[in-house]
Amino acid sequence: MIQSLSFTPQFIVTTFQPEMLVTVDKFYGVLFNNQKVLSIWLIRCEEAMEFVDQEAQVQ
């Protein structure tokens, strides 16, 4: 559904679901500290997948 709607709007999705990662074309890392955003950076797909895998093991 997101891919069919993504031709005009942009979506920002926060997820720990690996199936969502295969549908996007950019990944961003966001660092928070005390409810404030410290930094945002572009990351590789592999880094995003590793992060999601690590979170799945914690839960």
PDB file of N, CA and C in Angstrom:
ATOM      1  N   MET A   1       0.814  -1.188   0.000  1.00  0.00           N
ATOM      2  CA  MET A   1       0.000   0.000   0.000  1.00  0.00           C
ATOM      3  C   MET A   1       0.865   1.262   0.000  1.00  0.00           C
ATOM      4  N   ILE A   2       1.922   1.272   0.816  1.00  0.00           N
ATOM      5  CA  ILE A   2       2.770   2.466   0.871  1.00  0.00           C
ATOM      6  C   ILE A   2       3.422   2.739  -0.478  1.00  0.00           C
ATOM      7  N   GLN A   3       3.885   1.687  -1.147  1.00  0.00           N
ATOM      8  CA  GLN A   3       4.518   1.901  -2.456  1.00  0.00           C
ATOM      9  C   GLN A   3       3.537   2.497  -3.460  1.00  0.00           C
ATOM     10  N   SER A   4       2.287   2.046  -3.461  1.00  0.00           N
ATOM     11  CA  SER A   4       1.325   2.579  -4.417  1.00  0.00           C
ATOM     12  C   SER A   4       0.977   4.032  -4.123  1.00  0.00           C
ATOM     13  N   LEU A   5       1.075   4.462  -2.870  1.00  0.00           N
ATOM     14  CA  LEU A   5       0.775   5.839  -2.496  1.00  0.00           C
ATOM     15  C   LEU A   5       1.986   6.753  -2.540  1.00  0.00           C
ATOM     16  N   SER A   6       3.169   6.200  -2.699  1.00  0.00           N
ATOM     17  CA  SER A   6       4.389   6.987  -2.540  1.00  0.00           C
ATOM     18  C   SER A   6       4.835   7.749  -3.784  1.00  0.00           C
ATOM     19  N   PHE A   7       4.064   7.739  -4.843  1.00  0.00           N
ATOM     20  CA  PHE A   7       4.491   8.453  -6.044  1.00  0.00           C
ATOM     21  C   PHE A   7       4.452   9.964  -5.854  1.00  0.00           C
ATOM     22  N   THR A   8       3.541  10.486  -5.069  1.00  0.00           N
ATOM     23  CA  THR A   8       3.495  11.930  -4.837  1.00  0.00           C
ATOM     24  C   THR A   8       3.851  12.313  -3.402  1.00  0.00           C
ATOM     25  N   PRO A   9       3.221  11.739  -2.385  1.00  0.00           N
ATOM     26  CA  PRO A   9       3.587  12.142  -1.018  1.00  0.00           C
ATOM     27  C   PRO A   9       4.841  11.417  -0.540  1.00  0.00           C
ATOM     28  N   GLN A  10       5.359  11.886   0.569  1.00  0.00           N
ATOM     29  CA  GLN A  10       6.479  11.224   1.224  1.00  0.00           C
ATOM     30  C   GLN A  10       5.989  10.669   2.544  1.00  0.00           C
ATOM     31  N   PHE A  11       6.540   9.544   2.950  1.00  0.00           N
ATOM     32  CA  PHE A  11       6.168   8.912   4.200  1.00  0.00           C
ATOM     33  C   PHE A  11       7.388   8.783   5.091  1.00  0.00           C
ATOM     34  N   ILE A  12       7.203   9.069   6.355  1.00  0.00           N
ATOM     35  CA  ILE A  12       8.226   8.786   7.356  1.00  0.00           C
ATOM     36  C   ILE A  12       7.625   7.740   8.276  1.00  0.00           C
ATOM     37  N   VAL A  13       8.268   6.591   8.332  1.00  0.00           N
ATOM     38  CA  VAL A  13       7.749   5.465   9.107  1.00  0.00           C
ATOM     39  C   VAL A  13       8.807   5.046  10.118  1.00  0.00           C
ATOM     40  N   THR A  14       8.382   4.883  11.351  1.00  0.00           N
ATOM     41  CA  THR A  14       9.263   4.345  12.382  1.00  0.00           C
ATOM     42  C   THR A  14       8.830   2.916  12.621  1.00  0.00           C
ATOM     43  N   THR A  15       9.747   1.978  12.469  1.00  0.00           N
ATOM     44  CA  THR A  15       9.331   0.582  12.569  1.00  0.00           C
ATOM     45  C   THR A  15      10.452  -0.311  13.066  1.00  0.00           C
ATOM     46  N   PHE A  16      10.045  -1.414  13.644  1.00  0.00           N
ATOM     47  CA  PHE A  16      10.959  -2.499  13.965  1.00  0.00           C
ATOM     48  C   PHE A  16      10.558  -3.747  13.186  1.00  0.00           C
ATOM     49  N   GLN A  17       9.743  -3.576  12.158  1.00  0.00           N
ATOM     50  CA  GLN A  17       9.258  -4.689  11.346  1.00  0.00           C
ATOM     51  C   GLN A  17      10.151  -4.850  10.114  1.00  0.00           C
ATOM     52  N   PRO A  18      10.841  -5.987   9.993  1.00  0.00           N
ATOM     53  CA  PRO A  18      11.750  -6.168   8.854  1.00  0.00           C
ATOM     54  C   PRO A  18      11.051  -6.125   7.497  1.00  0.00           C
ATOM     55  N   GLU A  19       9.796  -6.529   7.428  1.00  0.00           N
ATOM     56  CA  GLU A  19       9.095  -6.498   6.136  1.00  0.00           C
ATOM     57  C   GLU A  19       8.882  -5.079   5.633  1.00  0.00           C
ATOM     58  N   MET A  20       8.865  -4.101   6.509  1.00  0.00           N
ATOM     59  CA  MET A  20       8.744  -2.703   6.082  1.00  0.00           C
ATOM     60  C   MET A  20      10.043  -2.193   5.461  1.00  0.00           C
ATOM     61  N   LEU A  21      11.163  -2.751   5.883  1.00  0.00           N
ATOM     62  CA  LEU A  21      12.454  -2.272   5.385  1.00  0.00           C
ATOM     63  C   LEU A  21      12.669  -2.582   3.913  1.00  0.00           C
ATOM     64  N   VAL A  22      12.044  -3.609   3.411  1.00  0.00           N
ATOM     65  CA  VAL A  22      12.260  -3.977   2.009  1.00  0.00           C
ATOM     66  C   VAL A  22      11.506  -3.066   1.045  1.00  0.00           C
ATOM     67  N   THR A  23      10.588  -2.237   1.549  1.00  0.00           N
ATOM     68  CA  THR A  23       9.791  -1.385   0.664  1.00  0.00           C
ATOM     69  C   THR A  23      10.305   0.039   0.540  1.00  0.00           C
ATOM     70  N   VAL A  24      11.311   0.402   1.328  1.00  0.00           N
ATOM     71  CA  VAL A  24      11.762   1.794   1.322  1.00  0.00           C
ATOM     72  C   VAL A  24      13.076   1.949   0.568  1.00  0.00           C
ATOM     73  N   ASP A  25      13.388   3.199   0.217  1.00  0.00           N
ATOM     74  CA  ASP A  25      14.625   3.421  -0.525  1.00  0.00           C
ATOM     75  C   ASP A  25      15.660   4.241   0.248  1.00  0.00           C
ATOM     76  N   LYS A  26      15.290   4.788   1.420  1.00  0.00           N
ATOM     77  CA  LYS A  26      16.257   5.511   2.245  1.00  0.00           C
ATOM     78  C   LYS A  26      16.022   5.158   3.707  1.00  0.00           C
ATOM     79  N   PHE A  27      17.115   5.094   4.443  1.00  0.00           N
ATOM     80  CA  PHE A  27      17.068   4.770   5.866  1.00  0.00           C
ATOM     81  C   PHE A  27      17.796   5.867   6.631  1.00  0.00           C
ATOM     82  N   TYR A  28      17.221   6.277   7.747  1.00  0.00           N
ATOM     83  CA  TYR A  28      17.842   7.304   8.570  1.00  0.00           C
ATOM     84  C   TYR A  28      18.001   6.818   9.998  1.00  0.00           C
ATOM     85  N   GLY A  29      19.121   7.122  10.582  1.00  0.00           N
ATOM     86  CA  GLY A  29      19.333   6.886  11.997  1.00  0.00           C
ATOM     87  C   GLY A  29      19.016   8.174  12.731  1.00  0.00           C
ATOM     88  N   VAL A  30      18.295   8.066  13.836  1.00  0.00           N
ATOM     89  CA  VAL A  30      17.920   9.242  14.619  1.00  0.00           C
ATOM     90  C   VAL A  30      18.353   9.007  16.053  1.00  0.00           C
ATOM     91  N   LEU A  31      19.094   9.935  16.601  1.00  0.00           N
ATOM     92  CA  LEU A  31      19.580   9.824  17.970  1.00  0.00           C
ATOM     93  C   LEU A  31      18.828  10.824  18.843  1.00  0.00           C
ATOM     94  N   PHE A  32      18.197  10.300  19.911  1.00  0.00           N
ATOM     95  CA  PHE A  32      17.442  11.132  20.843  1.00  0.00           C
ATOM     96  C   PHE A  32      18.160  11.205  22.180  1.00  0.00           C
ATOM     97  N   ASN A  33      17.992  12.328  22.861  1.00  0.00           N
ATOM     98  CA  ASN A  33      18.503  12.483  24.215  1.00  0.00           C
ATOM     99  C   ASN A  33      17.528  13.390  24.968  1.00  0.00           C
ATOM    100  N   ASN A  34      16.903  12.853  26.006  1.00  0.00           N
ATOM    101  CA  ASN A  34      15.935  13.621  26.795  1.00  0.00           C
ATOM    102  C   ASN A  34      14.836  14.248  25.936  1.00  0.00           C
ATOM    103  N   GLN A  35      14.272  13.452  25.044  1.00  0.00           N
ATOM    104  CA  GLN A  35      13.166  13.866  24.178  1.00  0.00           C
ATOM    105  C   GLN A  35      13.548  14.901  23.117  1.00  0.00           C
ATOM    106  N   LYS A  36      14.818  15.124  22.895  1.00  0.00           N
ATOM    107  CA  LYS A  36      15.264  16.047  21.852  1.00  0.00           C
ATOM    108  C   LYS A  36      16.087  15.277  20.829  1.00  0.00           C
ATOM    109  N   VAL A  37      15.932  15.628  19.580  1.00  0.00           N
ATOM    110  CA  VAL A  37      16.704  14.992  18.516  1.00  0.00           C
ATOM    111  C   VAL A  37      18.110  15.574  18.517  1.00  0.00           C
ATOM    112  N   LEU A  38      19.100  14.698  18.646  1.00  0.00           N
ATOM    113  CA  LEU A  38      20.492  15.131  18.617  1.00  0.00           C
ATOM    114  C   LEU A  38      21.063  15.138  17.211  1.00  0.00           C
ATOM    115  N   SER A  39      20.756  14.085  16.455  1.00  0.00           N
ATOM    116  CA  SER A  39      21.279  14.026  15.094  1.00  0.00           C
ATOM    117  C   SER A  39      20.467  13.052  14.253  1.00  0.00           C
ATOM    118  N   ILE A  40      20.512  13.305  12.959  1.00  0.00           N
ATOM    119  CA  ILE A  40      19.861  12.446  11.977  1.00  0.00           C
ATOM    120  C   ILE A  40      20.879  12.199  10.876  1.00  0.00           C
ATOM    121  N   TRP A  41      21.055  10.934  10.486  1.00  0.00           N
ATOM    122  CA  TRP A  41      22.023  10.617   9.441  1.00  0.00           C
ATOM    123  C   TRP A  41      21.491   9.497   8.570  1.00  0.00           C
ATOM    124  N   LEU A  42      21.927   9.500   7.340  1.00  0.00           N
ATOM    125  CA  LEU A  42      21.571   8.463   6.375  1.00  0.00           C
ATOM    126  C   LEU A  42      22.364   7.206   6.687  1.00  0.00           C
ATOM    127  N   ILE A  43      21.688   6.050   6.737  1.00  0.00           N
ATOM    128  CA  ILE A  43      22.379   4.786   6.992  1.00  0.00           C
ATOM    129  C   ILE A  43      22.103   3.813   5.853  1.00  0.00           C
ATOM    130  N   ARG A  44      22.926   2.791   5.773  1.00  0.00           N
ATOM    131  CA  ARG A  44      22.762   1.765   4.741  1.00  0.00           C
ATOM    132  C   ARG A  44      21.649   0.806   5.135  1.00  0.00           C
ATOM    133  N   CYS A  45      21.106   0.113   4.162  1.00  0.00           N
ATOM    134  CA  CYS A  45      20.064  -0.890   4.391  1.00  0.00           C
ATOM    135  C   CYS A  45      20.552  -1.961   5.360  1.00  0.00           C
ATOM    136  N   GLU A  46      21.799  -2.383   5.212  1.00  0.00           N
ATOM    137  CA  GLU A  46      22.349  -3.422   6.080  1.00  0.00           C
ATOM    138  C   GLU A  46      22.358  -2.980   7.541  1.00  0.00           C
ATOM    139  N   GLU A  47      22.686  -1.714   7.777  1.00  0.00           N
ATOM    140  CA  GLU A  47      22.695  -1.187   9.141  1.00  0.00           C
ATOM    141  C   GLU A  47      21.293  -1.169   9.727  1.00  0.00           C
ATOM    142  N   ALA A  48      20.311  -0.796   8.935  1.00  0.00           N
ATOM    143  CA  ALA A  48      18.919  -0.787   9.396  1.00  0.00           C
ATOM    144  C   ALA A  48      18.457  -2.202   9.728  1.00  0.00           C
ATOM    145  N   MET A  49      18.793  -3.166   8.873  1.00  0.00           N
ATOM    146  CA  MET A  49      18.404  -4.556   9.120  1.00  0.00           C
ATOM    147  C   MET A  49      19.066  -5.094  10.382  1.00  0.00           C
ATOM    148  N   GLU A  50      20.336  -4.778  10.591  1.00  0.00           N
ATOM    149  CA  GLU A  50      21.034  -5.214  11.805  1.00  0.00           C
ATOM    150  C   GLU A  50      20.356  -4.654  13.044  1.00  0.00           C
ATOM    151  N   PHE A  51      19.969  -3.389  12.995  1.00  0.00           N
ATOM    152  CA  PHE A  51      19.307  -2.763  14.131  1.00  0.00           C
ATOM    153  C   PHE A  51      17.976  -3.454  14.430  1.00  0.00           C
ATOM    154  N   VAL A  52      17.183  -3.710  13.409  1.00  0.00           N
ATOM    155  CA  VAL A  52      15.887  -4.375  13.596  1.00  0.00           C
ATOM    156  C   VAL A  52      16.097  -5.785  14.130  1.00  0.00           C
ATOM    157  N   ASP A  53      17.085  -6.498  13.621  1.00  0.00           N
ATOM    158  CA  ASP A  53      17.379  -7.849  14.117  1.00  0.00           C
ATOM    159  C   ASP A  53      17.771  -7.830  15.591  1.00  0.00           C
ATOM    160  N   GLN A  54      18.592  -6.861  15.975  1.00  0.00           N
ATOM    161  CA  GLN A  54      19.004  -6.754  17.378  1.00  0.00           C
ATOM    162  C   GLN A  54      17.810  -6.455  18.284  1.00  0.00           C
ATOM    163  N   GLU A  55      16.917  -5.590  17.858  1.00  0.00           N
ATOM    164  CA  GLU A  55      15.737  -5.249  18.653  1.00  0.00           C
ATOM    165  C   GLU A  55      14.806  -6.436  18.781  1.00  0.00           C
ATOM    166  N   ALA A  56      14.698  -7.248  17.739  1.00  0.00           N
ATOM    167  CA  ALA A  56      13.845  -8.430  17.793  1.00  0.00           C
ATOM    168  C   ALA A  56      14.373  -9.439  18.814  1.00  0.00           C
ATOM    169  N   GLN A  57      15.688  -9.533  18.947  1.00  0.00           N
ATOM    170  CA  GLN A  57      16.291 -10.453  19.907  1.00  0.00           C
ATOM    171  C   GLN A  57      16.079  -9.978  21.346  1.00  0.00           C
ATOM    172  N   VAL A  58      16.021  -8.672  21.556  1.00  0.00           N
ATOM    173  CA  VAL A  58      15.824  -8.106  22.890  1.00  0.00           C
ATOM    174  C   VAL A  58      14.404  -8.369  23.367  1.00  0.00           C
ATOM    175  N   GLN A  59      13.453  -8.290  22.485  1.00  0.00           N
ATOM    176  CA  GLN A  59      12.051  -8.481  22.850  1.00  0.00           C
ATOM    177  C   GLN A  59      11.759  -9.929  22.884  1.00  0.00           C
TER     178      GLN A  59
END
